[in-house]
């Protein structure tokens, strides 16, 4: 993404957050925010706007992950990153019934 597009995206996000802060301040200035100083009211509404934005993004990612949980996971890349000196093969033979002969309880 070019620098110009990044700045435009950041300005759009800032404009939407400012609009949300202004609307929440206008609706709750004398109600839910009563008893706070003007600075506290603005800071609390900014926090509320940021929190709701992050919650919406997180909800979208959870919905995407619910559709296909392994869509972004490349297990071959993860396996290739493991050092071969530290690999261990754990397998069992059906001819060695150790669990049938032992009582673990």
Protein backbone atom coordinates (compact mmCIF):
# COMPACT_ATOMS: atom_id res chain seq x y z
CA UNK A 1 0.00 0.00 0.00
CA UNK A 2 1.39 3.40 -0.90
CA UNK A 3 2.14 6.03 1.74
CA UNK A 4 -0.63 8.25 0.40
CA UNK A 5 -3.22 5.50 0.75
CA UNK A 6 -1.99 4.73 4.29
CA UNK A 7 -2.41 8.37 5.31
CA UNK A 8 -5.86 8.47 3.72
CA UNK A 9 -6.89 5.30 5.57
CA UNK A 10 -5.59 6.71 8.87
CA UNK A 11 -7.47 9.97 8.27
CA UNK A 12 -10.67 8.04 7.52
CA UNK A 13 -10.35 6.02 10.72
CA UNK A 14 -9.66 9.19 12.73
CA UNK A 15 -12.69 10.92 11.17
CA UNK A 16 -14.98 8.01 12.02
CA UNK A 17 -13.67 7.90 15.59
CA UNK A 18 -14.15 11.66 15.95
CA UNK A 19 -17.70 11.37 14.66
CA UNK A 20 -18.44 8.54 17.07
CA UNK A 21 -16.96 10.49 20.00
CA UNK A 22 -19.03 13.56 19.07
CA UNK A 23 -22.23 11.52 18.84
CA UNK A 24 -21.67 9.72 22.14
CA UNK A 25 -20.81 13.01 23.86
CA UNK A 26 -23.95 14.62 22.45
CA UNK A 27 -26.19 11.76 23.56
CA UNK A 28 -24.72 11.02 27.00
CA UNK A 29 -23.26 14.35 28.17
CA UNK A 30 -25.87 14.95 30.85
CA UNK A 31 -26.92 11.32 31.36
CA UNK A 32 -24.46 8.47 31.78
CA UNK A 33 -21.48 10.84 31.95
CA UNK A 34 -23.01 13.03 34.64
CA UNK A 35 -20.68 13.89 37.50
CA UNK A 36 -17.49 13.94 35.43
CA UNK A 37 -15.43 16.88 34.30
CA UNK A 38 -15.58 17.78 30.58
CA UNK A 39 -12.08 16.33 30.06
CA UNK A 40 -13.10 13.04 31.71
CA UNK A 41 -16.22 12.87 29.55
CA UNK A 42 -14.25 13.30 26.33
CA UNK A 43 -11.59 10.78 27.35
CA UNK A 44 -14.22 8.23 28.39
CA UNK A 45 -16.14 8.59 25.15
CA UNK A 46 -12.89 8.27 23.16
CA UNK A 47 -12.13 5.07 25.07
CA UNK A 48 -15.66 3.81 24.41
CA UNK A 49 -15.33 4.56 20.68
CA UNK A 50 -11.98 2.78 20.43
CA UNK A 51 -13.25 -0.19 22.42
CA UNK A 52 -16.32 -0.61 20.22
CA UNK A 53 -14.20 -0.36 17.06
CA UNK A 54 -11.78 -3.01 18.29
CA UNK A 55 -14.67 -5.23 19.37
CA UNK A 56 -16.19 -5.00 15.87
CA UNK A 57 -12.89 -5.98 14.25
CA UNK A 58 -12.42 -8.86 16.70
CA UNK A 59 -15.97 -10.07 16.03
CA UNK A 60 -15.32 -10.07 12.28
CA UNK A 61 -12.13 -12.10 12.74
CA UNK A 62 -13.90 -14.61 15.00
CA UNK A 63 -16.66 -15.04 12.42
CA UNK A 64 -14.03 -15.57 9.70
CA UNK A 65 -12.19 -18.11 11.84
CA UNK A 66 -15.44 -19.95 12.60
CA UNK A 67 -16.05 -20.48 8.88
CA UNK A 68 -12.65 -22.08 8.22
CA UNK A 69 -10.46 -22.40 11.34
CA UNK A 70 -7.34 -23.54 9.48
CA UNK A 71 -7.56 -21.15 6.52
CA UNK A 72 -4.56 -19.05 7.53
CA UNK A 73 -2.49 -21.82 9.07
CA UNK A 74 0.23 -23.29 6.91
CA UNK A 75 1.30 -26.40 8.80
CA UNK A 76 4.07 -27.19 6.32
CA UNK A 77 5.74 -23.86 7.08
CA UNK A 78 5.49 -24.58 10.80
CA UNK A 79 6.92 -28.08 10.36
CA UNK A 80 9.75 -26.82 8.16
CA UNK A 81 10.80 -24.37 10.88
CA UNK A 82 11.42 -27.15 13.41
CA UNK A 83 15.06 -28.22 13.83
CA UNK A 84 15.58 -31.78 12.60
CA UNK A 85 17.96 -32.53 15.49
CA UNK A 86 15.08 -32.18 17.94
CA UNK A 87 12.47 -34.34 16.20
CA UNK A 88 11.04 -37.39 17.90
CA UNK A 89 8.81 -40.11 16.50
CA UNK A 90 6.17 -41.40 18.87
CA UNK A 91 4.32 -44.44 17.59
CA UNK A 92 2.91 -47.65 18.96
CA UNK A 93 2.76 -51.18 17.74
CA UNK A 94 -0.48 -53.13 17.76
CA UNK A 95 1.58 -56.25 18.62
CA UNK A 96 2.64 -54.85 21.98
CA UNK A 97 -0.53 -54.52 24.10
CA UNK A 98 1.08 -52.84 27.13
CA UNK A 99 -2.08 -50.96 28.03
CA UNK A 100 -4.13 -54.14 28.17
CA UNK A 101 -1.72 -55.81 30.62
CA UNK A 102 -1.34 -52.91 33.00
CA UNK A 103 -3.85 -51.41 35.40
CA UNK A 104 -3.25 -47.66 35.77
CA UNK A 105 -6.18 -47.13 38.09
